[in-house]
């Protein structure tokens, strides 16, 4: 995994505010009604996309991204350069890197790829 447990704990503190401030939040549930994943979109930007690791590979991320692109016109995403799984997912969907930042939006030293749907 590209994030350490300390990184995850620190980032987890930002999540409630990020979810509360995103323009559009789409949640998918499993058959029992538990949250299976969610996506946040603001304008053309996919701000967040998370799928329960136990449910990955079942098309949930693709369905959420389909919804974001079709309903909201989402065409941009920023991805941690060390997150090979996410980069592969977005590239498979049709996103391509057009820029790179040395730090994330919080100023932390996580290089970020700026990707656009082509």
PDB file of N, CA and C in Angstrom:
ATOM      1  N   UNK A   1       0.851  -1.178   0.000  1.00  0.00           N
ATOM      2  CA  UNK A   1       0.000   0.000   0.000  1.00  0.00           C
ATOM      3  C   UNK A   1       0.897   1.242   0.000  1.00  0.00           C
ATOM      4  N   UNK A   2       0.464   2.257  -0.665  1.00  0.00           N
ATOM      5  CA  UNK A   2       1.285   3.452  -0.828  1.00  0.00           C
ATOM      6  C   UNK A   2       1.213   4.404   0.362  1.00  0.00           C
ATOM      7  N   UNK A   3       0.236   4.242   1.248  1.00  0.00           N
ATOM      8  CA  UNK A   3       0.114   5.087   2.434  1.00  0.00           C
ATOM      9  C   UNK A   3       0.456   4.282   3.682  1.00  0.00           C
ATOM     10  N   UNK A   4       1.163   4.911   4.597  1.00  0.00           N
ATOM     11  CA  UNK A   4       1.468   4.266   5.868  1.00  0.00           C
ATOM     12  C   UNK A   4       0.251   4.361   6.783  1.00  0.00           C
ATOM     13  N   UNK A   5       0.208   3.559   7.844  1.00  0.00           N
ATOM     14  CA  UNK A   5      -0.900   3.698   8.803  1.00  0.00           C
ATOM     15  C   UNK A   5      -0.993   5.111   9.386  1.00  0.00           C
ATOM     16  N   UNK A   6       0.142   5.764   9.613  1.00  0.00           N
ATOM     17  CA  UNK A   6       0.114   7.148  10.114  1.00  0.00           C
ATOM     18  C   UNK A   6      -0.504   8.093   9.082  1.00  0.00           C
ATOM     19  N   UNK A   7      -0.175   7.891   7.797  1.00  0.00           N
ATOM     20  CA  UNK A   7      -0.766   8.704   6.728  1.00  0.00           C
ATOM     21  C   UNK A   7      -2.275   8.527   6.713  1.00  0.00           C
ATOM     22  N   UNK A   8      -2.714   7.295   6.805  1.00  0.00           N
ATOM     23  CA  UNK A   8      -4.156   7.000   6.756  1.00  0.00           C
ATOM     24  C   UNK A   8      -4.866   7.649   7.940  1.00  0.00           C
ATOM     25  N   UNK A   9      -4.272   7.554   9.118  1.00  0.00           N
ATOM     26  CA  UNK A   9      -4.894   8.158  10.305  1.00  0.00           C
ATOM     27  C   UNK A   9      -5.005   9.673  10.153  1.00  0.00           C
ATOM     28  N   UNK A  10      -3.960  10.301   9.630  1.00  0.00           N
ATOM     29  CA  UNK A  10      -3.967  11.755   9.446  1.00  0.00           C
ATOM     30  C   UNK A  10      -4.998  12.155   8.389  1.00  0.00           C
ATOM     31  N   UNK A  11      -5.027  11.450   7.288  1.00  0.00           N
ATOM     32  CA  UNK A  11      -5.957  11.763   6.198  1.00  0.00           C
ATOM     33  C   UNK A  11      -7.400  11.519   6.628  1.00  0.00           C
ATOM     34  N   UNK A  12      -7.620  10.495   7.442  1.00  0.00           N
ATOM     35  CA  UNK A  12      -8.981  10.182   7.901  1.00  0.00           C
ATOM     36  C   UNK A  12      -9.629  11.372   8.602  1.00  0.00           C
ATOM     37  N   UNK A  13      -8.827  12.212   9.218  1.00  0.00           N
ATOM     38  CA  UNK A  13      -9.373  13.400   9.869  1.00  0.00           C
ATOM     39  C   UNK A  13      -9.954  14.409   8.899  1.00  0.00           C
ATOM     40  N   UNK A  14      -9.508  14.379   7.641  1.00  0.00           N
ATOM     41  CA  UNK A  14      -9.999  15.304   6.619  1.00  0.00           C
ATOM     42  C   UNK A  14     -11.286  14.817   5.950  1.00  0.00           C
ATOM     43  N   UNK A  15     -11.540  13.525   6.021  1.00  0.00           N
ATOM     44  CA  UNK A  15     -12.622  12.926   5.228  1.00  0.00           C
ATOM     45  C   UNK A  15     -14.001  13.494   5.555  1.00  0.00           C
ATOM     46  N   UNK A  16     -14.403  13.604   6.826  1.00  0.00           N
ATOM     47  CA  UNK A  16     -15.749  14.144   7.085  1.00  0.00           C
ATOM     48  C   UNK A  16     -15.978  15.523   6.477  1.00  0.00           C
ATOM     49  N   UNK A  17     -15.005  16.415   6.597  1.00  0.00           N
ATOM     50  CA  UNK A  17     -15.157  17.753   6.011  1.00  0.00           C
ATOM     51  C   UNK A  17     -15.190  17.684   4.494  1.00  0.00           C
ATOM     52  N   UNK A  18     -14.360  16.819   3.915  1.00  0.00           N
ATOM     53  CA  UNK A  18     -14.336  16.676   2.454  1.00  0.00           C
ATOM     54  C   UNK A  18     -15.676  16.168   1.945  1.00  0.00           C
ATOM     55  N   UNK A  19     -16.233  15.190   2.624  1.00  0.00           N
ATOM     56  CA  UNK A  19     -17.537  14.654   2.214  1.00  0.00           C
ATOM     57  C   UNK A  19     -18.621  15.720   2.366  1.00  0.00           C
ATOM     58  N   UNK A  20     -18.582  16.447   3.459  1.00  0.00           N
ATOM     59  CA  UNK A  20     -19.609  17.470   3.712  1.00  0.00           C
ATOM     60  C   UNK A  20     -19.539  18.614   2.711  1.00  0.00           C
ATOM     61  N   UNK A  21     -18.353  18.879   2.166  1.00  0.00           N
ATOM     62  CA  UNK A  21     -18.209  20.040   1.295  1.00  0.00           C
ATOM     63  C   UNK A  21     -18.291  19.722  -0.196  1.00  0.00           C
ATOM     64  N   UNK A  22     -18.324  18.458  -0.569  1.00  0.00           N
ATOM     65  CA  UNK A  22     -18.369  18.119  -1.994  1.00  0.00           C
ATOM     66  C   UNK A  22     -19.753  18.476  -2.561  1.00  0.00           C
ATOM     67  N   UNK A  23     -19.778  18.950  -3.788  1.00  0.00           N
ATOM     68  CA  UNK A  23     -21.041  19.396  -4.391  1.00  0.00           C
ATOM     69  C   UNK A  23     -22.041  18.254  -4.565  1.00  0.00           C
ATOM     70  N   UNK A  24     -21.558  17.110  -5.037  1.00  0.00           N
ATOM     71  CA  UNK A  24     -22.438  15.958  -5.290  1.00  0.00           C
ATOM     72  C   UNK A  24     -21.793  14.714  -4.705  1.00  0.00           C
ATOM     73  N   UNK A  25     -22.506  14.028  -3.842  1.00  0.00           N
ATOM     74  CA  UNK A  25     -22.032  12.787  -3.244  1.00  0.00           C
ATOM     75  C   UNK A  25     -22.974  11.669  -3.676  1.00  0.00           C
ATOM     76  N   UNK A  26     -22.398  10.627  -4.270  1.00  0.00           N
ATOM     77  CA  UNK A  26     -23.172   9.475  -4.730  1.00  0.00           C
ATOM     78  C   UNK A  26     -22.686   8.265  -3.944  1.00  0.00           C
ATOM     79  N   UNK A  27     -23.619   7.555  -3.309  1.00  0.00           N
ATOM     80  CA  UNK A  27     -23.287   6.409  -2.472  1.00  0.00           C
ATOM     81  C   UNK A  27     -23.916   5.169  -3.071  1.00  0.00           C
ATOM     82  N   UNK A  28     -23.140   4.075  -3.113  1.00  0.00           N
ATOM     83  CA  UNK A  28     -23.729   2.802  -3.530  1.00  0.00           C
ATOM     84  C   UNK A  28     -23.721   1.859  -2.331  1.00  0.00           C
ATOM     85  N   UNK A  29     -24.734   1.011  -2.270  1.00  0.00           N
ATOM     86  CA  UNK A  29     -24.902   0.096  -1.151  1.00  0.00           C
ATOM     87  C   UNK A  29     -24.860  -1.344  -1.636  1.00  0.00           C
ATOM     88  N   UNK A  30     -24.492  -2.236  -0.720  1.00  0.00           N
ATOM     89  CA  UNK A  30     -24.551  -3.649  -1.048  1.00  0.00           C
ATOM     90  C   UNK A  30     -25.977  -4.149  -0.811  1.00  0.00           C
ATOM     91  N   UNK A  31     -26.210  -5.432  -1.011  1.00  0.00           N
ATOM     92  CA  UNK A  31     -27.558  -5.988  -0.880  1.00  0.00           C
ATOM     93  C   UNK A  31     -28.128  -5.858   0.527  1.00  0.00           C
ATOM     94  N   UNK A  32     -27.248  -5.755   1.527  1.00  0.00           N
ATOM     95  CA  UNK A  32     -27.697  -5.618   2.915  1.00  0.00           C
ATOM     96  C   UNK A  32     -27.914  -4.157   3.316  1.00  0.00           C
ATOM     97  N   UNK A  33     -27.620  -3.223   2.394  1.00  0.00           N
ATOM     98  CA  UNK A  33     -27.814  -1.815   2.675  1.00  0.00           C
ATOM     99  C   UNK A  33     -26.600  -1.116   3.244  1.00  0.00           C
ATOM    100  N   UNK A  34     -25.487  -1.841   3.387  1.00  0.00           N
ATOM    101  CA  UNK A  34     -24.249  -1.226   3.880  1.00  0.00           C
ATOM    102  C   UNK A  34     -23.579  -0.448   2.750  1.00  0.00           C
ATOM    103  N   UNK A  35     -22.854   0.603   3.100  1.00  0.00           N
ATOM    104  CA  UNK A  35     -22.143   1.392   2.097  1.00  0.00           C
ATOM    105  C   UNK A  35     -21.060   0.519   1.459  1.00  0.00           C
ATOM    106  N   UNK A  36     -21.116   0.409   0.132  1.00  0.00           N
ATOM    107  CA  UNK A  36     -20.131  -0.365  -0.622  1.00  0.00           C
ATOM    108  C   UNK A  36     -19.084   0.550  -1.245  1.00  0.00           C
ATOM    109  N   UNK A  37     -19.457   1.812  -1.443  1.00  0.00           N
ATOM    110  CA  UNK A  37     -18.539   2.779  -2.027  1.00  0.00           C
ATOM    111  C   UNK A  37     -19.228   4.115  -2.183  1.00  0.00           C
ATOM    112  N   UNK A  38     -18.419   5.131  -2.498  1.00  0.00           N
ATOM    113  CA  UNK A  38     -18.998   6.442  -2.738  1.00  0.00           C
ATOM    114  C   UNK A  38     -18.100   7.255  -3.646  1.00  0.00           C
ATOM    115  N   UNK A  39     -18.701   8.258  -4.245  1.00  0.00           N
ATOM    116  CA  UNK A  39     -18.015   9.134  -5.182  1.00  0.00           C
ATOM    117  C   UNK A  39     -18.452  10.561  -4.912  1.00  0.00           C
ATOM    118  N   UNK A  40     -17.500  11.485  -4.953  1.00  0.00           N
ATOM    119  CA  UNK A  40     -17.798  12.899  -4.804  1.00  0.00           C
ATOM    120  C   UNK A  40     -17.363  13.647  -6.045  1.00  0.00           C
ATOM    121  N   UNK A  41     -18.233  14.510  -6.545  1.00  0.00           N
ATOM    122  CA  UNK A  41     -17.957  15.283  -7.761  1.00  0.00           C
ATOM    123  C   UNK A  41     -18.231  16.749  -7.485  1.00  0.00           C
ATOM    124  N   UNK A  42     -17.358  17.601  -7.993  1.00  0.00           N
ATOM    125  CA  UNK A  42     -17.559  19.048  -7.904  1.00  0.00           C
ATOM    126  C   UNK A  42     -17.190  19.626  -9.261  1.00  0.00           C
ATOM    127  N   UNK A  43     -18.178  20.088  -9.994  1.00  0.00           N
ATOM    128  CA  UNK A  43     -17.939  20.554 -11.362  1.00  0.00           C
ATOM    129  C   UNK A  43     -17.463  19.384 -12.215  1.00  0.00           C
ATOM    130  N   UNK A  44     -16.386  19.585 -12.937  1.00  0.00           N
ATOM    131  CA  UNK A  44     -15.833  18.531 -13.786  1.00  0.00           C
ATOM    132  C   UNK A  44     -14.889  17.601 -13.020  1.00  0.00           C
ATOM    133  N   UNK A  45     -14.659  17.871 -11.731  1.00  0.00           N
ATOM    134  CA  UNK A  45     -13.652  17.143 -10.946  1.00  0.00           C
ATOM    135  C   UNK A  45     -14.245  16.003 -10.125  1.00  0.00           C
ATOM    136  N   UNK A  46     -13.696  14.818 -10.323  1.00  0.00           N
ATOM    137  CA  UNK A  46     -13.978  13.710  -9.416  1.00  0.00           C
ATOM    138  C   UNK A  46     -13.108  13.967  -8.188  1.00  0.00           C
ATOM    139  N   UNK A  47     -13.729  14.362  -7.111  1.00  0.00           N
ATOM    140  CA  UNK A  47     -12.989  14.720  -5.895  1.00  0.00           C
ATOM    141  C   UNK A  47     -12.596  13.500  -5.081  1.00  0.00           C
ATOM    142  N   UNK A  48     -13.414  12.451  -5.137  1.00  0.00           N
ATOM    143  CA  UNK A  48     -13.140  11.239  -4.372  1.00  0.00           C
ATOM    144  C   UNK A  48     -13.904  10.074  -4.966  1.00  0.00           C
ATOM    145  N   UNK A  49     -13.301   8.913  -4.898  1.00  0.00           N
ATOM    146  CA  UNK A  49     -13.943   7.669  -5.319  1.00  0.00           C
ATOM    147  C   UNK A  49     -13.357   6.563  -4.458  1.00  0.00           C
ATOM    148  N   UNK A  50     -14.184   5.983  -3.615  1.00  0.00           N
ATOM    149  CA  UNK A  50     -13.747   4.920  -2.721  1.00  0.00           C
ATOM    150  C   UNK A  50     -14.697   3.733  -2.836  1.00  0.00           C
ATOM    151  N   UNK A  51     -14.116   2.554  -2.931  1.00  0.00           N
ATOM    152  CA  UNK A  51     -14.871   1.304  -2.959  1.00  0.00           C
ATOM    153  C   UNK A  51     -14.331   0.428  -1.834  1.00  0.00           C
ATOM    154  N   UNK A  52     -15.224  -0.229  -1.108  1.00  0.00           N
ATOM    155  CA  UNK A  52     -14.815  -1.176  -0.073  1.00  0.00           C
ATOM    156  C   UNK A  52     -13.840  -2.173  -0.701  1.00  0.00           C
ATOM    157  N   UNK A  53     -12.647  -2.318  -0.132  1.00  0.00           N
ATOM    158  CA  UNK A  53     -11.657  -3.226  -0.736  1.00  0.00           C
ATOM    159  C   UNK A  53     -12.183  -4.642  -0.969  1.00  0.00           C
ATOM    160  N   UNK A  54     -13.085  -5.113  -0.108  1.00  0.00           N
ATOM    161  CA  UNK A  54     -13.641  -6.461  -0.274  1.00  0.00           C
ATOM    162  C   UNK A  54     -14.566  -6.555  -1.484  1.00  0.00           C
ATOM    163  N   UNK A  55     -14.985  -5.413  -2.020  1.00  0.00           N
ATOM    164  CA  UNK A  55     -15.940  -5.400  -3.135  1.00  0.00           C
ATOM    165  C   UNK A  55     -15.323  -4.902  -4.438  1.00  0.00           C
ATOM    166  N   UNK A  56     -14.020  -4.670  -4.441  1.00  0.00           N
ATOM    167  CA  UNK A  56     -13.358  -4.198  -5.669  1.00  0.00           C
ATOM    168  C   UNK A  56     -13.368  -5.291  -6.729  1.00  0.00           C
ATOM    169  N   UNK A  57     -13.335  -4.849  -7.976  1.00  0.00           N
ATOM    170  CA  UNK A  57     -13.317  -5.788  -9.088  1.00  0.00           C
ATOM    171  C   UNK A  57     -14.691  -6.258  -9.524  1.00  0.00           C
ATOM    172  N   UNK A  58     -15.728  -5.663  -8.995  1.00  0.00           N
ATOM    173  CA  UNK A  58     -17.103  -6.048  -9.338  1.00  0.00           C
ATOM    174  C   UNK A  58     -17.812  -5.008 -10.190  1.00  0.00           C
ATOM    175  N   UNK A  59     -17.086  -3.980 -10.600  1.00  0.00           N
ATOM    176  CA  UNK A  59     -17.676  -2.969 -11.472  1.00  0.00           C
ATOM    177  C   UNK A  59     -18.303  -1.790 -10.766  1.00  0.00           C
ATOM    178  N   UNK A  60     -18.228  -1.744  -9.433  1.00  0.00           N
ATOM    179  CA  UNK A  60     -18.849  -0.629  -8.707  1.00  0.00           C
ATOM    180  C   UNK A  60     -18.180   0.698  -9.028  1.00  0.00           C
ATOM    181  N   UNK A  61     -16.859   0.717  -9.062  1.00  0.00           N
ATOM    182  CA  UNK A  61     -16.139   1.949  -9.382  1.00  0.00           C
ATOM    183  C   UNK A  61     -16.468   2.439 -10.775  1.00  0.00           C
ATOM    184  N   UNK A  62     -16.539   1.519 -11.716  1.00  0.00           N
ATOM    185  CA  UNK A  62     -16.877   1.885 -13.089  1.00  0.00           C
ATOM    186  C   UNK A  62     -18.294   2.450 -13.165  1.00  0.00           C
ATOM    187  N   UNK A  63     -19.227   1.835 -12.462  1.00  0.00           N
ATOM    188  CA  UNK A  63     -20.611   2.336 -12.482  1.00  0.00           C
ATOM    189  C   UNK A  63     -20.710   3.723 -11.853  1.00  0.00           C
ATOM    190  N   UNK A  64     -19.983   3.928 -10.746  1.00  0.00           N
ATOM    191  CA  UNK A  64     -19.994   5.260 -10.136  1.00  0.00           C
ATOM    192  C   UNK A  64     -19.367   6.290 -11.072  1.00  0.00           C
ATOM    193  N   UNK A  65     -18.264   5.925 -11.709  1.00  0.00           N
ATOM    194  CA  UNK A  65     -17.609   6.850 -12.630  1.00  0.00           C
ATOM    195  C   UNK A  65     -18.478   7.102 -13.864  1.00  0.00           C
ATOM    196  N   UNK A  66     -19.164   6.074 -14.354  1.00  0.00           N
ATOM    197  CA  UNK A  66     -20.124   6.271 -15.455  1.00  0.00           C
ATOM    198  C   UNK A  66     -21.164   7.313 -15.058  1.00  0.00           C
ATOM    199  N   UNK A  67     -21.689   7.177 -13.861  1.00  0.00           N
ATOM    200  CA  UNK A  67     -22.699   8.113 -13.377  1.00  0.00           C
ATOM    201  C   UNK A  67     -22.131   9.528 -13.311  1.00  0.00           C
ATOM    202  N   UNK A  68     -20.911   9.650 -12.787  1.00  0.00           N
ATOM    203  CA  UNK A  68     -20.285  10.972 -12.659  1.00  0.00           C
ATOM    204  C   UNK A  68     -20.037  11.622 -14.013  1.00  0.00           C
ATOM    205  N   UNK A  69     -19.608  10.854 -14.988  1.00  0.00           N
ATOM    206  CA  UNK A  69     -19.323  11.436 -16.297  1.00  0.00           C
ATOM    207  C   UNK A  69     -20.620  11.761 -17.046  1.00  0.00           C
ATOM    208  N   UNK A  70     -21.608  10.898 -16.921  1.00  0.00           N
ATOM    209  CA  UNK A  70     -22.864  11.116 -17.644  1.00  0.00           C
ATOM    210  C   UNK A  70     -23.770  12.152 -16.979  1.00  0.00           C
ATOM    211  N   UNK A  71     -23.889  12.112 -15.686  1.00  0.00           N
ATOM    212  CA  UNK A  71     -24.808  13.004 -14.964  1.00  0.00           C
ATOM    213  C   UNK A  71     -24.203  14.389 -14.710  1.00  0.00           C
ATOM    214  N   UNK A  72     -22.907  14.429 -14.375  1.00  0.00           N
ATOM    215  CA  UNK A  72     -22.281  15.684 -13.966  1.00  0.00           C
ATOM    216  C   UNK A  72     -21.212  16.190 -14.927  1.00  0.00           C
ATOM    217  N   UNK A  73     -20.884  15.415 -15.948  1.00  0.00           N
ATOM    218  CA  UNK A  73     -19.860  15.839 -16.906  1.00  0.00           C
ATOM    219  C   UNK A  73     -18.452  15.795 -16.343  1.00  0.00           C
ATOM    220  N   UNK A  74     -18.214  14.917 -15.387  1.00  0.00           N
ATOM    221  CA  UNK A  74     -16.881  14.807 -14.773  1.00  0.00           C
ATOM    222  C   UNK A  74     -15.861  14.329 -15.802  1.00  0.00           C
ATOM    223  N   UNK A  75     -14.753  15.067 -15.890  1.00  0.00           N
ATOM    224  CA  UNK A  75     -13.693  14.724 -16.845  1.00  0.00           C
ATOM    225  C   UNK A  75     -12.301  14.840 -16.241  1.00  0.00           C
ATOM    226  N   UNK A  76     -12.200  15.230 -14.972  1.00  0.00           N
ATOM    227  CA  UNK A  76     -10.899  15.438 -14.333  1.00  0.00           C
ATOM    228  C   UNK A  76     -10.807  14.660 -13.035  1.00  0.00           C
ATOM    229  N   UNK A  77      -9.589  14.222 -12.711  1.00  0.00           N
ATOM    230  CA  UNK A  77      -9.317  13.579 -11.428  1.00  0.00           C
ATOM    231  C   UNK A  77      -7.849  13.790 -11.087  1.00  0.00           C
ATOM    232  N   UNK A  78      -7.555  13.950  -9.805  1.00  0.00           N
ATOM    233  CA  UNK A  78      -6.173  14.024  -9.322  1.00  0.00           C
ATOM    234  C   UNK A  78      -5.908  12.751  -8.540  1.00  0.00           C
ATOM    235  N   UNK A  79      -4.794  12.088  -8.847  1.00  0.00           N
ATOM    236  CA  UNK A  79      -4.495  10.784  -8.266  1.00  0.00           C
ATOM    237  C   UNK A  79      -3.082  10.787  -7.693  1.00  0.00           C
ATOM    238  N   UNK A  80      -2.933  10.229  -6.499  1.00  0.00           N
ATOM    239  CA  UNK A  80      -1.614  10.079  -5.906  1.00  0.00           C
ATOM    240  C   UNK A  80      -0.762   9.221  -6.846  1.00  0.00           C
ATOM    241  N   UNK A  81       0.407   9.728  -7.177  1.00  0.00           N
ATOM    242  CA  UNK A  81       1.294   9.060  -8.131  1.00  0.00           C
ATOM    243  C   UNK A  81       1.715   7.664  -7.662  1.00  0.00           C
ATOM    244  N   UNK A  82       1.666   7.419  -6.372  1.00  0.00           N
ATOM    245  CA  UNK A  82       2.057   6.123  -5.831  1.00  0.00           C
ATOM    246  C   UNK A  82       0.901   5.125  -5.797  1.00  0.00           C
ATOM    247  N   UNK A  83      -0.297   5.548  -6.176  1.00  0.00           N
ATOM    248  CA  UNK A  83      -1.474   4.688  -6.141  1.00  0.00           C
ATOM    249  C   UNK A  83      -1.650   4.008  -7.500  1.00  0.00           C
ATOM    250  N   UNK A  84      -0.858   2.971  -7.725  1.00  0.00           N
ATOM    251  CA  UNK A  84      -0.868   2.278  -9.016  1.00  0.00           C
ATOM    252  C   UNK A  84      -2.236   1.710  -9.359  1.00  0.00           C
ATOM    253  N   UNK A  85      -2.950   1.213  -8.355  1.00  0.00           N
ATOM    254  CA  UNK A  85      -4.270   0.637  -8.610  1.00  0.00           C
ATOM    255  C   UNK A  85      -5.236   1.694  -9.159  1.00  0.00           C
ATOM    256  N   UNK A  86      -5.258   2.866  -8.538  1.00  0.00           N
ATOM    257  CA  UNK A  86      -6.155   3.931  -9.000  1.00  0.00           C
ATOM    258  C   UNK A  86      -5.735   4.442 -10.368  1.00  0.00           C
ATOM    259  N   UNK A  87      -4.437   4.608 -10.578  1.00  0.00           N
ATOM    260  CA  UNK A  87      -3.963   5.076 -11.888  1.00  0.00           C
ATOM    261  C   UNK A  87      -4.391   4.100 -12.975  1.00  0.00           C
ATOM    262  N   UNK A  88      -4.194   2.818 -12.731  1.00  0.00           N
ATOM    263  CA  UNK A  88      -4.609   1.805 -13.711  1.00  0.00           C
ATOM    264  C   UNK A  88      -6.100   1.841 -13.972  1.00  0.00           C
ATOM    265  N   UNK A  89      -6.890   2.008 -12.914  1.00  0.00           N
ATOM    266  CA  UNK A  89      -8.343   2.085 -13.058  1.00  0.00           C
ATOM    267  C   UNK A  89      -8.738   3.254 -13.955  1.00  0.00           C
ATOM    268  N   UNK A  90      -8.204   4.434 -13.659  1.00  0.00           N
ATOM    269  CA  UNK A  90      -8.569   5.616 -14.436  1.00  0.00           C
ATOM    270  C   UNK A  90      -8.037   5.538 -15.865  1.00  0.00           C
ATOM    271  N   UNK A  91      -6.837   5.016 -16.053  1.00  0.00           N
ATOM    272  CA  UNK A  91      -6.312   4.867 -17.417  1.00  0.00           C
ATOM    273  C   UNK A  91      -7.162   3.893 -18.212  1.00  0.00           C
ATOM    274  N   UNK A  92      -7.568   2.803 -17.593  1.00  0.00           N
ATOM    275  CA  UNK A  92      -8.429   1.831 -18.276  1.00  0.00           C
ATOM    276  C   UNK A  92      -9.743   2.482 -18.692  1.00  0.00           C
ATOM    277  N   UNK A  93     -10.230   3.398 -17.879  1.00  0.00           N
ATOM    278  CA  UNK A  93     -11.479   4.109 -18.176  1.00  0.00           C
ATOM    279  C   UNK A  93     -11.310   5.131 -19.301  1.00  0.00           C
ATOM    280  N   UNK A  94     -10.077   5.583 -19.529  1.00  0.00           N
ATOM    281  CA  UNK A  94      -9.829   6.554 -20.594  1.00  0.00           C
ATOM    282  C   UNK A  94      -9.199   7.852 -20.142  1.00  0.00           C
ATOM    283  N   UNK A  95      -8.841   7.954 -18.878  1.00  0.00           N
ATOM    284  CA  UNK A  95      -8.165   9.150 -18.375  1.00  0.00           C
ATOM    285  C   UNK A  95      -6.692   9.096 -18.745  1.00  0.00           C
ATOM    286  N   UNK A  96      -6.103  10.266 -19.008  1.00  0.00           N
ATOM    287  CA  UNK A  96      -4.682  10.373 -19.316  1.00  0.00           C
ATOM    288  C   UNK A  96      -4.084  11.509 -18.497  1.00  0.00           C
ATOM    289  N   UNK A  97      -2.832  11.318 -18.085  1.00  0.00           N
ATOM    290  CA  UNK A  97      -2.124  12.330 -17.301  1.00  0.00           C
ATOM    291  C   UNK A  97      -1.774  13.514 -18.188  1.00  0.00           C
ATOM    292  N   UNK A  98      -2.062  14.729 -17.687  1.00  0.00           N
ATOM    293  CA  UNK A  98      -1.698  15.930 -18.434  1.00  0.00           C
ATOM    294  C   UNK A  98      -0.827  16.876 -17.613  1.00  0.00           C
ATOM    295  N   UNK A  99      -0.683  16.601 -16.307  1.00  0.00           N
ATOM    296  CA  UNK A  99       0.149  17.448 -15.464  1.00  0.00           C
ATOM    297  C   UNK A  99       0.497  16.665 -14.199  1.00  0.00           C
ATOM    298  N   UNK A 100       1.408  17.229 -13.405  1.00  0.00           N
ATOM    299  CA  UNK A 100       1.855  16.586 -12.167  1.00  0.00           C
ATOM    300  C   UNK A 100       2.199  17.666 -11.151  1.00  0.00           C
ATOM    301  N   UNK A 101       1.846  17.414  -9.886  1.00  0.00           N
ATOM    302  CA  UNK A 101       2.196  18.302  -8.784  1.00  0.00           C
ATOM    303  C   UNK A 101       3.095  17.538  -7.817  1.00  0.00           C
ATOM    304  N   UNK A 102       4.017  18.241  -7.186  1.00  0.00           N
ATOM    305  CA  UNK A 102       4.918  17.606  -6.217  1.00  0.00           C
ATOM    306  C   UNK A 102       4.234  17.314  -4.884  1.00  0.00           C
ATOM    307  N   UNK A 103       3.161  18.063  -4.575  1.00  0.00           N
ATOM    308  CA  UNK A 103       2.467  17.906  -3.294  1.00  0.00           C
ATOM    309  C   UNK A 103       0.964  17.748  -3.524  1.00  0.00           C
ATOM    310  N   UNK A 104       0.302  17.203  -2.511  1.00  0.00           N
ATOM    311  CA  UNK A 104      -1.155  17.082  -2.599  1.00  0.00           C
ATOM    312  C   UNK A 104      -1.817  18.404  -2.214  1.00  0.00           C
ATOM    313  N   UNK A 105      -3.131  18.421  -2.174  1.00  0.00           N
ATOM    314  CA  UNK A 105      -3.865  19.661  -1.913  1.00  0.00           C
ATOM    315  C   UNK A 105      -3.660  20.182  -0.493  1.00  0.00           C
ATOM    316  N   UNK A 106      -3.162  19.346   0.401  1.00  0.00           N
ATOM    317  CA  UNK A 106      -2.895  19.768   1.775  1.00  0.00           C
ATOM    318  C   UNK A 106      -1.442  20.226   1.937  1.00  0.00           C
ATOM    319  N   UNK A 107      -0.677  20.176   0.842  1.00  0.00           N
ATOM    320  CA  UNK A 107       0.723  20.575   0.900  1.00  0.00           C
ATOM    321  C   UNK A 107       1.657  19.471   1.347  1.00  0.00           C
ATOM    322  N   UNK A 108       1.125  18.275   1.500  1.00  0.00           N
ATOM    323  CA  UNK A 108       1.951  17.144   1.917  1.00  0.00           C
ATOM    324  C   UNK A 108       2.737  16.601   0.722  1.00  0.00           C
ATOM    325  N   UNK A 109       3.885  15.982   0.981  1.00  0.00           N
ATOM    326  CA  UNK A 109       4.771  15.550  -0.103  1.00  0.00           C
ATOM    327  C   UNK A 109       4.318  14.270  -0.802  1.00  0.00           C
ATOM    328  N   UNK A 110       3.116  14.280  -1.337  1.00  0.00           N
ATOM    329  CA  UNK A 110       2.598  13.169  -2.124  1.00  0.00           C
ATOM    330  C   UNK A 110       2.421  13.667  -3.559  1.00  0.00           C
ATOM    331  N   UNK A 111       3.268  13.240  -4.484  1.00  0.00           N
ATOM    332  CA  UNK A 111       3.125  13.685  -5.872  1.00  0.00           C
ATOM    333  C   UNK A 111       1.751  13.294  -6.433  1.00  0.00           C
ATOM    334  N   UNK A 112       1.139  14.206  -7.142  1.00  0.00           N
ATOM    335  CA  UNK A 112      -0.216  14.028  -7.658  1.00  0.00           C
ATOM    336  C   UNK A 112      -0.207  14.117  -9.177  1.00  0.00           C
ATOM    337  N   UNK A 113      -0.837  13.130  -9.819  1.00  0.00           N
ATOM    338  CA  UNK A 113      -1.040  13.173 -11.266  1.00  0.00           C
ATOM    339  C   UNK A 113      -2.379  13.827 -11.550  1.00  0.00           C
ATOM    340  N   UNK A 114      -2.393  14.756 -12.482  1.00  0.00           N
ATOM    341  CA  UNK A 114      -3.614  15.421 -12.920  1.00  0.00           C
ATOM    342  C   UNK A 114      -4.038  14.685 -14.194  1.00  0.00           C
ATOM    343  N   UNK A 115      -5.223  14.075 -14.146  1.00  0.00           N
ATOM    344  CA  UNK A 115      -5.677  13.247 -15.262  1.00  0.00           C
ATOM    345  C   UNK A 115      -6.966  13.813 -15.850  1.00  0.00           C
ATOM    346  N   UNK A 116      -7.094  13.648 -17.165  1.00  0.00           N
ATOM    347  CA  UNK A 116      -8.266  14.145 -17.895  1.00  0.00           C
ATOM    348  C   UNK A 116      -8.831  13.003 -18.738  1.00  0.00           C
ATOM    349  N   UNK A 117     -10.143  12.920 -18.793  1.00  0.00           N
ATOM    350  CA  UNK A 117     -10.811  11.927 -19.624  1.00  0.00           C
ATOM    351  C   UNK A 117     -10.664  12.331 -21.079  1.00  0.00           C
ATOM    352  N   UNK A 118     -10.150  11.422 -21.898  1.00  0.00           N
ATOM    353  CA  UNK A 118      -9.937  11.734 -23.320  1.00  0.00           C
ATOM    354  C   UNK A 118     -10.945  11.037 -24.194  1.00  0.00           C
TER     355      UNK A 118
END
